[in-house]
Amino acid sequence: MAWLYAITKYGYPPPLPDVFRTIDDAVRLGFRALELEVYGESNLREFQREKGKIREEIEARGLKVVNVAGVFRELISPDEREREKALSMFRETCELADFFGSPMVQTDTFTPPVQFVGKKPYSESVSFAEAYDVVVPEDFSWVSFWNSLVNAMKSCSKAAADHGLLFAIEPRVGETVSNTDAMLSLMREVGEDNFGAVLDTGHLHAAKELLPLSVEKLGKKIYYVHLSDNDGRDNFHRAPGKGTISWDGVFRGLRKFGFSGYVAIDIGGKDVTDLDKEVTEGRLFAERMYEQYLSQ
C-alpha cells in the first residue's frame, strides 16, 4: 500500500496517531507490505521519536516496509546551507529505512524554482488535474539548476548506499523530472549503481507517455512500481479500469526485464469517493497481473 492512501484519508503529512491507523488499514485491506513517508523536519522528528513503536506495530501485524520516502524540498534550494541541512535529514531518513528493514529510500525532484501565478504543484497537498501559469525569472539558469539537482541526487544515492539501500525517484507531473527521458538523463549523470526509477503509471500516463515504451527504456532500472490509472489527460490516481492504461503491455515489459520488486497501490486523491473500495480493487488487480506475468 502506497502512502497516498494515508495522505488521502488523514491529511498531509498524516499526524502520527494516523500512522498507526494506516498500519491497521493496510492489514484490514489485505496488504502484505507498505511504504512510509516523512515530510519535512517536524515529521521526521516524530518518526524518529516513535520509530520503535512504529516498527513493533508493523512487525506485529505481519507487514513489511518496502520503501521510505524522505521529502525535503530544500534538497534543491539555491541556498547551500539549506541544501546541506536537507541532505542531513535525508541521511537520517536512510537510517530510519535501515531501522525499519526497508530495502529502498526515495525522494522527489520537486518543482523548479520558477514563479507560479496561482496554484503550484504539490505546494500543500497532493492535488491532481490542476492547471498552472508559469513565469521563468530572468536570473534563472536551467543548466545551473540541473547541475545542482544532479549533485543533490548523487549525494542522496551515496547516503543510501552507505546503508546498503536502493535509491529511487519517480517522474511526476509538474516536477523537475516529469517523464521517462528526463529520468534517464538524471540516472546517467548521477552515475550511481544503486540509483533507479519508480515506474509511476498514473503520472507517466498523464504525461502522455507510452507506458510499455517507458518500461523498455528504463528496463532493469525499474526498482518499484506505483500502480494507478487515469484517462491520459488529467493526473488522477484511480483504480485500474477507471482510466485508459493498457496494462498487458506494461506487465509484459516488466516480465521481459525480470522485474521482481514490489507493486504499490498508489490510489487516492480528492476525486476518489470510495477509497477503500478502489484501493482493494487495485490490490486484487495487481495480484492477478503479478500472477499472470511475473510469478514464474
C-alpha atoms as a PDB file:
ATOM      1  CA  MET A   1       0.000   0.000   0.000  1.00  0.00           C
ATOM      2  CA  ALA A   2       1.426   3.319  -1.097  1.00  0.00           C
ATOM      3  CA  TRP A   3       1.471   6.301   1.247  1.00  0.00           C
ATOM      4  CA  LEU A   4      -1.069   8.148  -0.909  1.00  0.00           C
ATOM      5  CA  TYR A   5      -3.737   6.167   0.953  1.00  0.00           C
ATOM      6  CA  ALA A   6      -2.675   7.749   4.260  1.00  0.00           C
ATOM      7  CA  ILE A   7      -2.393  11.214   2.715  1.00  0.00           C
ATOM      8  CA  THR A   8      -5.858  10.976   1.176  1.00  0.00           C
ATOM      9  CA  LYS A   9      -7.535   9.671   4.311  1.00  0.00           C
ATOM     10  CA  TYR A  10      -5.685  11.546   7.043  1.00  0.00           C
ATOM     11  CA  GLY A  11      -4.020  14.638   5.521  1.00  0.00           C
ATOM     12  CA  TYR A  12      -0.504  15.653   4.533  1.00  0.00           C
ATOM     13  CA  PRO A  13       1.525  14.680   6.344  1.00  0.00           C
ATOM     14  CA  PRO A  14      -0.685  12.338   8.358  1.00  0.00           C
ATOM     15  CA  PRO A  15      -0.496  13.072  12.105  1.00  0.00           C
ATOM     16  CA  LEU A  16       1.481  10.426  13.960  1.00  0.00           C
ATOM     17  CA  PRO A  17      -1.569   8.678  15.522  1.00  0.00           C
ATOM     18  CA  ASP A  18      -2.849   8.206  11.973  1.00  0.00           C
ATOM     19  CA  VAL A  19       0.376   6.442  11.002  1.00  0.00           C
ATOM     20  CA  PHE A  20      -0.733   3.651  13.338  1.00  0.00           C
ATOM     21  CA  ARG A  21      -4.237   3.793  11.862  1.00  0.00           C
ATOM     22  CA  THR A  22      -2.679   3.435   8.400  1.00  0.00           C
ATOM     23  CA  ILE A  23      -0.927   0.271   9.544  1.00  0.00           C
ATOM     24  CA  ASP A  24      -4.302  -1.069  10.679  1.00  0.00           C
ATOM     25  CA  ASP A  25      -5.815  -0.037   7.345  1.00  0.00           C
ATOM     26  CA  ALA A  26      -3.132  -1.884   5.408  1.00  0.00           C
ATOM     27  CA  VAL A  27      -3.871  -5.122   7.258  1.00  0.00           C
ATOM     28  CA  ARG A  28      -7.632  -4.661   7.032  1.00  0.00           C
ATOM     29  CA  LEU A  29      -7.419  -4.147   3.259  1.00  0.00           C
ATOM     30  CA  GLY A  30      -5.334  -7.265   2.716  1.00  0.00           C
ATOM     31  CA  PHE A  31      -1.855  -5.842   2.111  1.00  0.00           C
ATOM     32  CA  ARG A  32       1.387  -7.576   2.988  1.00  0.00           C
ATOM     33  CA  ALA A  33       3.655  -4.541   2.694  1.00  0.00           C
ATOM     34  CA  LEU A  34       3.537  -0.760   2.811  1.00  0.00           C
ATOM     35  CA  GLU A  35       5.650   2.297   2.232  1.00  0.00           C
ATOM     36  CA  LEU A  36       6.260   5.140   4.665  1.00  0.00           C
ATOM     37  CA  GLU A  37       6.949   8.808   4.040  1.00  0.00           C
ATOM     38  CA  VAL A  38       8.478  11.576   6.117  1.00  0.00           C
ATOM     39  CA  TYR A  39       7.739  15.132   5.034  1.00  0.00           C
ATOM     40  CA  GLY A  40       9.867  17.921   6.426  1.00  0.00           C
ATOM     41  CA  GLU A  41      11.830  18.182   9.640  1.00  0.00           C
ATOM     42  CA  SER A  42       8.928  18.123  12.099  1.00  0.00           C
ATOM     43  CA  ASN A  43       7.503  14.924  10.640  1.00  0.00           C
ATOM     44  CA  LEU A  44      10.976  13.352  10.548  1.00  0.00           C
ATOM     45  CA  ARG A  45      11.450  14.063  14.263  1.00  0.00           C
ATOM     46  CA  GLU A  46       8.069  12.472  15.025  1.00  0.00           C
ATOM     47  CA  PHE A  47       9.088   9.299  13.222  1.00  0.00           C
ATOM     48  CA  GLN A  48      12.427   9.240  14.988  1.00  0.00           C
ATOM     49  CA  ARG A  49      10.836   9.608  18.427  1.00  0.00           C
ATOM     50  CA  GLU A  50       8.299   6.848  17.817  1.00  0.00           C
ATOM     51  CA  LYS A  51      10.265   4.574  15.488  1.00  0.00           C
ATOM     52  CA  GLY A  52      10.411   1.734  17.988  1.00  0.00           C
ATOM     53  CA  LYS A  53       6.640   1.677  18.468  1.00  0.00           C
ATOM     54  CA  ILE A  54       6.048   2.005  14.719  1.00  0.00           C
ATOM     55  CA  ARG A  55       8.350  -0.911  13.894  1.00  0.00           C
ATOM     56  CA  GLU A  56       6.868  -3.015  16.678  1.00  0.00           C
ATOM     57  CA  GLU A  57       3.346  -2.413  15.337  1.00  0.00           C
ATOM     58  CA  ILE A  58       4.348  -3.119  11.729  1.00  0.00           C
ATOM     59  CA  GLU A  59       6.062  -6.366  12.657  1.00  0.00           C
ATOM     60  CA  ALA A  60       3.250  -7.452  14.989  1.00  0.00           C
ATOM     61  CA  ARG A  61       0.771  -7.053  12.133  1.00  0.00           C
ATOM     62  CA  GLY A  62       2.890  -9.157   9.776  1.00  0.00           C
ATOM     63  CA  LEU A  63       3.739  -6.296   7.410  1.00  0.00           C
ATOM     64  CA  LYS A  64       6.987  -5.343   5.699  1.00  0.00           C
ATOM     65  CA  VAL A  65       8.230  -1.831   4.920  1.00  0.00           C
ATOM     66  CA  VAL A  66       9.459  -1.774   1.306  1.00  0.00           C
ATOM     67  CA  ASN A  67      10.153   1.928   0.781  1.00  0.00           C
ATOM     68  CA  VAL A  68      10.713   5.033   2.900  1.00  0.00           C
ATOM     69  CA  ALA A  69      10.377   8.381   1.149  1.00  0.00           C
ATOM     70  CA  GLY A  70      12.165  11.415   2.545  1.00  0.00           C
ATOM     71  CA  VAL A  71      10.519  14.554   1.154  1.00  0.00           C
ATOM     72  CA  PHE A  72      12.682  17.603   1.810  1.00  0.00           C
ATOM     73  CA  ARG A  73      12.154  20.398  -0.707  1.00  0.00           C
ATOM     74  CA  GLU A  74      15.319  22.170   0.393  1.00  0.00           C
ATOM     75  CA  LEU A  75      17.355  19.490  -1.400  1.00  0.00           C
ATOM     76  CA  ILE A  76      17.052  21.699  -4.495  1.00  0.00           C
ATOM     77  CA  SER A  77      17.282  25.060  -2.705  1.00  0.00           C
ATOM     78  CA  PRO A  78      19.656  27.667  -4.181  1.00  0.00           C
ATOM     79  CA  ASP A  79      20.899  28.224  -0.616  1.00  0.00           C
ATOM     80  CA  GLU A  80      23.805  25.861   0.079  1.00  0.00           C
ATOM     81  CA  ARG A  81      23.118  25.801   3.822  1.00  0.00           C
ATOM     82  CA  GLU A  82      19.514  24.751   3.234  1.00  0.00           C
ATOM     83  CA  ARG A  83      20.661  22.028   0.830  1.00  0.00           C
ATOM     84  CA  GLU A  84      23.143  20.678   3.365  1.00  0.00           C
ATOM     85  CA  LYS A  85      20.502  20.612   6.094  1.00  0.00           C
ATOM     86  CA  ALA A  86      18.091  18.781   3.795  1.00  0.00           C
ATOM     87  CA  LEU A  87      20.783  16.276   2.855  1.00  0.00           C
ATOM     88  CA  SER A  88      21.459  15.687   6.549  1.00  0.00           C
ATOM     89  CA  MET A  89      17.751  14.946   7.058  1.00  0.00           C
ATOM     90  CA  PHE A  90      17.796  12.597   4.095  1.00  0.00           C
ATOM     91  CA  ARG A  91      20.713  10.736   5.676  1.00  0.00           C
ATOM     92  CA  GLU A  92      18.600  10.417   8.817  1.00  0.00           C
ATOM     93  CA  THR A  93      15.777   9.046   6.638  1.00  0.00           C
ATOM     94  CA  CYS A  94      18.192   6.409   5.354  1.00  0.00           C
ATOM     95  CA  GLU A  95      18.887   5.465   8.972  1.00  0.00           C
ATOM     96  CA  LEU A  96      15.139   5.139   9.535  1.00  0.00           C
ATOM     97  CA  ALA A  97      14.760   2.985   6.438  1.00  0.00           C
ATOM     98  CA  ASP A  98      17.536   0.721   7.693  1.00  0.00           C
ATOM     99  CA  PHE A  99      15.848   0.550  11.106  1.00  0.00           C
ATOM    100  CA  PHE A 100      12.510  -0.430   9.537  1.00  0.00           C
ATOM    101  CA  GLY A 101      14.162  -3.069   7.355  1.00  0.00           C
ATOM    102  CA  SER A 102      13.290  -1.325   4.106  1.00  0.00           C
ATOM    103  CA  PRO A 103      15.417  -2.143   1.049  1.00  0.00           C
ATOM    104  CA  MET A 104      14.868   1.261  -0.547  1.00  0.00           C
ATOM    105  CA  VAL A 105      14.583   5.000   0.025  1.00  0.00           C
ATOM    106  CA  GLN A 106      13.037   7.599  -2.234  1.00  0.00           C
ATOM    107  CA  THR A 107      12.798  11.346  -2.660  1.00  0.00           C
ATOM    108  CA  ASP A 108      11.352  13.744  -5.240  1.00  0.00           C
ATOM    109  CA  THR A 109      12.895  16.124  -7.741  1.00  0.00           C
ATOM    110  CA  PHE A 110      10.382  18.811  -6.777  1.00  0.00           C
ATOM    111  CA  THR A 111       9.172  21.816  -8.702  1.00  0.00           C
ATOM    112  CA  PRO A 112      11.903  24.011 -10.210  1.00  0.00           C
ATOM    113  CA  PRO A 113      12.309  27.491  -8.665  1.00  0.00           C
ATOM    114  CA  VAL A 114      10.145  29.269 -11.223  1.00  0.00           C
ATOM    115  CA  GLN A 115       7.255  31.599 -10.423  1.00  0.00           C
ATOM    116  CA  PHE A 116       3.719  30.236 -10.356  1.00  0.00           C
ATOM    117  CA  VAL A 117       0.830  32.605 -10.828  1.00  0.00           C
ATOM    118  CA  GLY A 118      -1.870  30.959  -8.735  1.00  0.00           C
ATOM    119  CA  LYS A 119      -1.637  27.258  -7.953  1.00  0.00           C
ATOM    120  CA  LYS A 120       1.709  25.496  -7.546  1.00  0.00           C
ATOM    121  CA  PRO A 121       2.196  21.720  -7.848  1.00  0.00           C
ATOM    122  CA  TYR A 122       2.253  19.831  -4.520  1.00  0.00           C
ATOM    123  CA  SER A 123       2.525  23.069  -2.526  1.00  0.00           C
ATOM    124  CA  GLU A 124       0.262  21.939   0.317  1.00  0.00           C
ATOM    125  CA  SER A 125      -1.278  18.601  -0.554  1.00  0.00           C
ATOM    126  CA  VAL A 126      -1.468  16.108  -3.393  1.00  0.00           C
ATOM    127  CA  SER A 127      -3.932  17.582  -5.899  1.00  0.00           C
ATOM    128  CA  PHE A 128      -4.436  16.261  -9.402  1.00  0.00           C
ATOM    129  CA  ALA A 129      -5.827  17.732 -12.637  1.00  0.00           C
ATOM    130  CA  GLU A 130      -4.650  21.268 -11.919  1.00  0.00           C
ATOM    131  CA  ALA A 131      -3.536  23.882 -14.485  1.00  0.00           C
ATOM    132  CA  TYR A 132      -0.526  26.111 -13.867  1.00  0.00           C
ATOM    133  CA  ASP A 133       0.582  29.549 -15.048  1.00  0.00           C
ATOM    134  CA  VAL A 134       4.390  29.748 -15.001  1.00  0.00           C
ATOM    135  CA  VAL A 135       6.821  32.661 -15.308  1.00  0.00           C
ATOM    136  CA  VAL A 136      10.540  31.879 -15.644  1.00  0.00           C
ATOM    137  CA  PRO A 137      12.586  34.502 -13.729  1.00  0.00           C
ATOM    138  CA  GLU A 138      15.191  36.434 -15.691  1.00  0.00           C
ATOM    139  CA  ASP A 139      18.003  35.238 -13.423  1.00  0.00           C
ATOM    140  CA  PHE A 140      17.027  31.554 -13.607  1.00  0.00           C
ATOM    141  CA  SER A 141      19.536  29.226 -15.282  1.00  0.00           C
ATOM    142  CA  TRP A 142      18.331  25.755 -16.180  1.00  0.00           C
ATOM    143  CA  VAL A 143      21.894  24.484 -16.606  1.00  0.00           C
ATOM    144  CA  SER A 144      22.919  25.637 -13.136  1.00  0.00           C
ATOM    145  CA  PHE A 145      19.763  24.300 -11.554  1.00  0.00           C
ATOM    146  CA  TRP A 146      20.085  20.928 -13.277  1.00  0.00           C
ATOM    147  CA  ASN A 147      23.712  20.577 -12.179  1.00  0.00           C
ATOM    148  CA  SER A 148      22.651  21.328  -8.604  1.00  0.00           C
ATOM    149  CA  LEU A 149      19.925  18.676  -8.833  1.00  0.00           C
ATOM    150  CA  VAL A 150      22.388  16.100 -10.164  1.00  0.00           C
ATOM    151  CA  ASN A 151      24.761  16.812  -7.277  1.00  0.00           C
ATOM    152  CA  ALA A 152      21.940  16.545  -4.738  1.00  0.00           C
ATOM    153  CA  MET A 153      20.737  13.220  -6.125  1.00  0.00           C
ATOM    154  CA  LYS A 154      24.286  11.879  -6.245  1.00  0.00           C
ATOM    155  CA  SER A 155      24.684  12.755  -2.560  1.00  0.00           C
ATOM    156  CA  CYS A 156      21.381  11.049  -1.755  1.00  0.00           C
ATOM    157  CA  SER A 157      22.449   7.959  -3.695  1.00  0.00           C
ATOM    158  CA  LYS A 158      25.678   7.739  -1.735  1.00  0.00           C
ATOM    159  CA  ALA A 159      23.834   8.245   1.566  1.00  0.00           C
ATOM    160  CA  ALA A 160      21.523   5.358   0.661  1.00  0.00           C
ATOM    161  CA  ALA A 161      24.453   3.171  -0.412  1.00  0.00           C
ATOM    162  CA  ASP A 162      26.095   3.730   2.976  1.00  0.00           C
ATOM    163  CA  HIS A 163      23.175   1.757   4.433  1.00  0.00           C
ATOM    164  CA  GLY A 164      23.033  -0.817   1.636  1.00  0.00           C
ATOM    165  CA  LEU A 165      19.823   0.705   0.241  1.00  0.00           C
ATOM    166  CA  LEU A 166      18.490   1.270  -3.229  1.00  0.00           C
ATOM    167  CA  PHE A 167      17.592   4.870  -4.049  1.00  0.00           C
ATOM    168  CA  ALA A 168      14.742   5.763  -6.383  1.00  0.00           C
ATOM    169  CA  ILE A 169      12.978   8.728  -7.993  1.00  0.00           C
ATOM    170  CA  GLU A 170       9.562   8.769  -9.637  1.00  0.00           C
ATOM    171  CA  PRO A 171       8.928  11.116 -12.574  1.00  0.00           C
ATOM    172  CA  ARG A 172       5.942  13.247 -11.520  1.00  0.00           C
ATOM    173  CA  VAL A 173       3.805  15.708 -13.441  1.00  0.00           C
ATOM    174  CA  GLY A 174       4.901  19.271 -12.679  1.00  0.00           C
ATOM    175  CA  GLU A 175       8.281  18.383 -11.185  1.00  0.00           C
ATOM    176  CA  THR A 176      11.837  18.762 -12.480  1.00  0.00           C
ATOM    177  CA  VAL A 177      11.908  15.139 -13.644  1.00  0.00           C
ATOM    178  CA  SER A 178       8.459  14.621 -15.142  1.00  0.00           C
ATOM    179  CA  ASN A 179       8.994  11.973 -17.820  1.00  0.00           C
ATOM    180  CA  THR A 180      10.966   8.872 -18.693  1.00  0.00           C
ATOM    181  CA  ASP A 181      13.674  10.559 -20.729  1.00  0.00           C
ATOM    182  CA  ALA A 182      14.383  13.116 -18.023  1.00  0.00           C
ATOM    183  CA  MET A 183      14.724  10.207 -15.599  1.00  0.00           C
ATOM    184  CA  LEU A 184      17.185   8.517 -17.936  1.00  0.00           C
ATOM    185  CA  SER A 185      19.232  11.717 -18.168  1.00  0.00           C
ATOM    186  CA  LEU A 186      19.300  12.088 -14.402  1.00  0.00           C
ATOM    187  CA  MET A 187      20.368   8.471 -13.848  1.00  0.00           C
ATOM    188  CA  ARG A 188      23.079   8.797 -16.468  1.00  0.00           C
ATOM    189  CA  GLU A 189      24.536  11.954 -14.931  1.00  0.00           C
ATOM    190  CA  VAL A 190      24.243  10.813 -11.320  1.00  0.00           C
ATOM    191  CA  GLY A 191      26.032   7.605 -12.304  1.00  0.00           C
ATOM    192  CA  GLU A 192      25.493   5.647  -9.078  1.00  0.00           C
ATOM    193  CA  ASP A 193      24.786   1.905  -9.271  1.00  0.00           C
ATOM    194  CA  ASN A 194      22.055   1.966  -6.603  1.00  0.00           C
ATOM    195  CA  PHE A 195      20.057   4.772  -8.284  1.00  0.00           C
ATOM    196  CA  GLY A 196      16.935   3.773 -10.194  1.00  0.00           C
ATOM    197  CA  ALA A 197      13.328   4.611 -11.001  1.00  0.00           C
ATOM    198  CA  VAL A 198       9.854   4.210  -9.630  1.00  0.00           C
ATOM    199  CA  LEU A 199       7.549   3.443 -12.538  1.00  0.00           C
ATOM    200  CA  ASP A 200       4.552   5.589 -11.580  1.00  0.00           C
ATOM    201  CA  THR A 201       1.903   4.591 -14.096  1.00  0.00           C
ATOM    202  CA  GLY A 202      -0.504   7.400 -13.228  1.00  0.00           C
ATOM    203  CA  HIS A 203       1.995  10.235 -13.587  1.00  0.00           C
ATOM    204  CA  LEU A 204       3.555   8.862 -16.764  1.00  0.00           C
ATOM    205  CA  HIS A 205       0.202   8.169 -18.431  1.00  0.00           C
ATOM    206  CA  ALA A 206      -0.974  11.705 -17.632  1.00  0.00           C
ATOM    207  CA  ALA A 207       2.255  12.976 -19.208  1.00  0.00           C
ATOM    208  CA  LYS A 208       1.213  11.215 -22.450  1.00  0.00           C
ATOM    209  CA  GLU A 209       3.935   8.598 -22.161  1.00  0.00           C
ATOM    210  CA  LEU A 210       3.628   5.264 -23.944  1.00  0.00           C
ATOM    211  CA  LEU A 211       3.952   3.128 -20.843  1.00  0.00           C
ATOM    212  CA  PRO A 212       5.308  -0.064 -22.462  1.00  0.00           C
ATOM    213  CA  LEU A 213       7.995   2.106 -24.073  1.00  0.00           C
ATOM    214  CA  SER A 214       8.762   3.689 -20.691  1.00  0.00           C
ATOM    215  CA  VAL A 215       9.303   0.193 -19.316  1.00  0.00           C
ATOM    216  CA  GLU A 216      11.553  -0.652 -22.255  1.00  0.00           C
ATOM    217  CA  LYS A 217      13.641   2.494 -21.750  1.00  0.00           C
ATOM    218  CA  LEU A 218      14.069   2.085 -18.007  1.00  0.00           C
ATOM    219  CA  GLY A 219      14.483  -1.686 -18.117  1.00  0.00           C
ATOM    220  CA  LYS A 220      16.227  -3.189 -15.120  1.00  0.00           C
ATOM    221  CA  LYS A 221      16.490   0.247 -13.511  1.00  0.00           C
ATOM    222  CA  ILE A 222      12.830  -0.017 -12.507  1.00  0.00           C
ATOM    223  CA  TYR A 223      13.100  -0.762  -8.798  1.00  0.00           C
ATOM    224  CA  TYR A 224       9.456  -0.288  -7.826  1.00  0.00           C
ATOM    225  CA  VAL A 225       6.032   0.290  -9.390  1.00  0.00           C
ATOM    226  CA  HIS A 226       3.318   2.740  -8.311  1.00  0.00           C
ATOM    227  CA  LEU A 227       0.075   1.478  -9.816  1.00  0.00           C
ATOM    228  CA  SER A 228      -2.859   3.764 -10.638  1.00  0.00           C
ATOM    229  CA  ASP A 229      -4.987   4.600 -13.671  1.00  0.00           C
ATOM    230  CA  ASN A 230      -6.341   7.749 -15.347  1.00  0.00           C
ATOM    231  CA  ASP A 231      -7.710   8.970 -18.663  1.00  0.00           C
ATOM    232  CA  GLY A 232      -4.337  10.093 -20.034  1.00  0.00           C
ATOM    233  CA  ARG A 233      -5.338  13.738 -19.716  1.00  0.00           C
ATOM    234  CA  ASP A 234      -5.752  14.502 -16.021  1.00  0.00           C
ATOM    235  CA  ASN A 235      -3.298  13.257 -13.422  1.00  0.00           C
ATOM    236  CA  PHE A 236      -5.783  11.267 -11.389  1.00  0.00           C
ATOM    237  CA  HIS A 237      -4.736   8.203  -9.393  1.00  0.00           C
ATOM    238  CA  ARG A 238      -7.687   5.826  -9.777  1.00  0.00           C
ATOM    239  CA  ALA A 239      -8.123   2.063  -9.720  1.00  0.00           C
ATOM    240  CA  PRO A 240      -7.277   0.046 -12.870  1.00  0.00           C
ATOM    241  CA  GLY A 241     -10.249   0.188 -15.215  1.00  0.00           C
ATOM    242  CA  LYS A 242     -11.140   3.741 -14.164  1.00  0.00           C
ATOM    243  CA  GLY A 243      -8.829   5.024 -16.907  1.00  0.00           C
ATOM    244  CA  THR A 244      -7.286   4.129 -20.236  1.00  0.00           C
ATOM    245  CA  ILE A 245      -3.967   2.441 -19.440  1.00  0.00           C
ATOM    246  CA  SER A 246      -3.309  -0.720 -21.468  1.00  0.00           C
ATOM    247  CA  TRP A 247      -1.966  -2.883 -18.686  1.00  0.00           C
ATOM    248  CA  ASP A 248      -0.882  -6.020 -20.543  1.00  0.00           C
ATOM    249  CA  GLY A 249       1.882  -4.126 -22.330  1.00  0.00           C
ATOM    250  CA  VAL A 250       3.163  -2.728 -19.031  1.00  0.00           C
ATOM    251  CA  PHE A 251       3.367  -6.111 -17.330  1.00  0.00           C
ATOM    252  CA  ARG A 252       4.784  -7.863 -20.393  1.00  0.00           C
ATOM    253  CA  GLY A 253       7.578  -5.279 -20.351  1.00  0.00           C
ATOM    254  CA  LEU A 254       8.225  -5.811 -16.653  1.00  0.00           C
ATOM    255  CA  ARG A 255       8.441  -9.563 -17.285  1.00  0.00           C
ATOM    256  CA  LYS A 256      10.905  -9.009 -20.120  1.00  0.00           C
ATOM    257  CA  PHE A 257      13.346  -7.346 -17.729  1.00  0.00           C
ATOM    258  CA  GLY A 258      12.818  -9.803 -14.898  1.00  0.00           C
ATOM    259  CA  PHE A 259      11.130  -7.352 -12.548  1.00  0.00           C
ATOM    260  CA  SER A 260      10.809  -8.930  -9.110  1.00  0.00           C
ATOM    261  CA  GLY A 261      10.156  -5.900  -6.940  1.00  0.00           C
ATOM    262  CA  TYR A 262       7.029  -4.609  -5.257  1.00  0.00           C
ATOM    263  CA  VAL A 263       3.955  -3.100  -6.887  1.00  0.00           C
ATOM    264  CA  ALA A 264       2.413  -0.434  -4.653  1.00  0.00           C
ATOM    265  CA  ILE A 265      -1.246   0.505  -4.998  1.00  0.00           C
ATOM    266  CA  ASP A 266      -0.960   4.276  -5.407  1.00  0.00           C
ATOM    267  CA  ILE A 267      -4.645   5.210  -5.490  1.00  0.00           C
ATOM    268  CA  GLY A 268      -6.128   8.312  -3.885  1.00  0.00           C
ATOM    269  CA  GLY A 269      -6.853  11.998  -4.208  1.00  0.00           C
ATOM    270  CA  LYS A 270      -9.992  14.064  -3.745  1.00  0.00           C
ATOM    271  CA  ASP A 271     -11.734  12.535  -6.773  1.00  0.00           C
ATOM    272  CA  VAL A 272     -11.725   9.039  -5.217  1.00  0.00           C
ATOM    273  CA  THR A 273     -15.018   8.865  -3.328  1.00  0.00           C
ATOM    274  CA  ASP A 274     -14.705   5.288  -2.036  1.00  0.00           C
ATOM    275  CA  LEU A 275     -11.034   4.982  -1.155  1.00  0.00           C
ATOM    276  CA  ASP A 276     -11.123   1.539   0.442  1.00  0.00           C
ATOM    277  CA  LYS A 277     -13.060   0.061  -2.474  1.00  0.00           C
ATOM    278  CA  GLU A 278     -10.720   1.394  -5.163  1.00  0.00           C
ATOM    279  CA  VAL A 279      -7.569   0.524  -3.236  1.00  0.00           C
ATOM    280  CA  THR A 280      -8.852  -3.022  -2.774  1.00  0.00           C
ATOM    281  CA  GLU A 281      -9.705  -3.237  -6.478  1.00  0.00           C
ATOM    282  CA  GLY A 282      -6.160  -2.083  -7.227  1.00  0.00           C
ATOM    283  CA  ARG A 283      -4.629  -4.698  -4.941  1.00  0.00           C
ATOM    284  CA  LEU A 284      -6.654  -7.535  -6.436  1.00  0.00           C
ATOM    285  CA  PHE A 285      -5.815  -6.367  -9.954  1.00  0.00           C
ATOM    286  CA  ALA A 286      -2.088  -6.176  -9.180  1.00  0.00           C
ATOM    287  CA  GLU A 287      -2.148  -9.653  -7.664  1.00  0.00           C
ATOM    288  CA  ARG A 288      -3.797 -11.069 -10.792  1.00  0.00           C
ATOM    289  CA  MET A 289      -1.322  -9.344 -13.113  1.00  0.00           C
ATOM    290  CA  TYR A 290       1.630 -10.376 -10.982  1.00  0.00           C
ATOM    291  CA  GLU A 291       0.436 -13.978 -11.030  1.00  0.00           C
ATOM    292  CA  GLN A 292      -0.112 -13.892 -14.801  1.00  0.00           C
ATOM    293  CA  TYR A 293       3.127 -12.200 -15.813  1.00  0.00           C
ATOM    294  CA  LEU A 294       5.687 -12.117 -13.020  1.00  0.00           C
ATOM    295  CA  SER A 295       5.239 -15.098 -10.733  1.00  0.00           C
ATOM    296  CA  GLN A 296       7.254 -17.561 -12.818  1.00  0.00           C
END
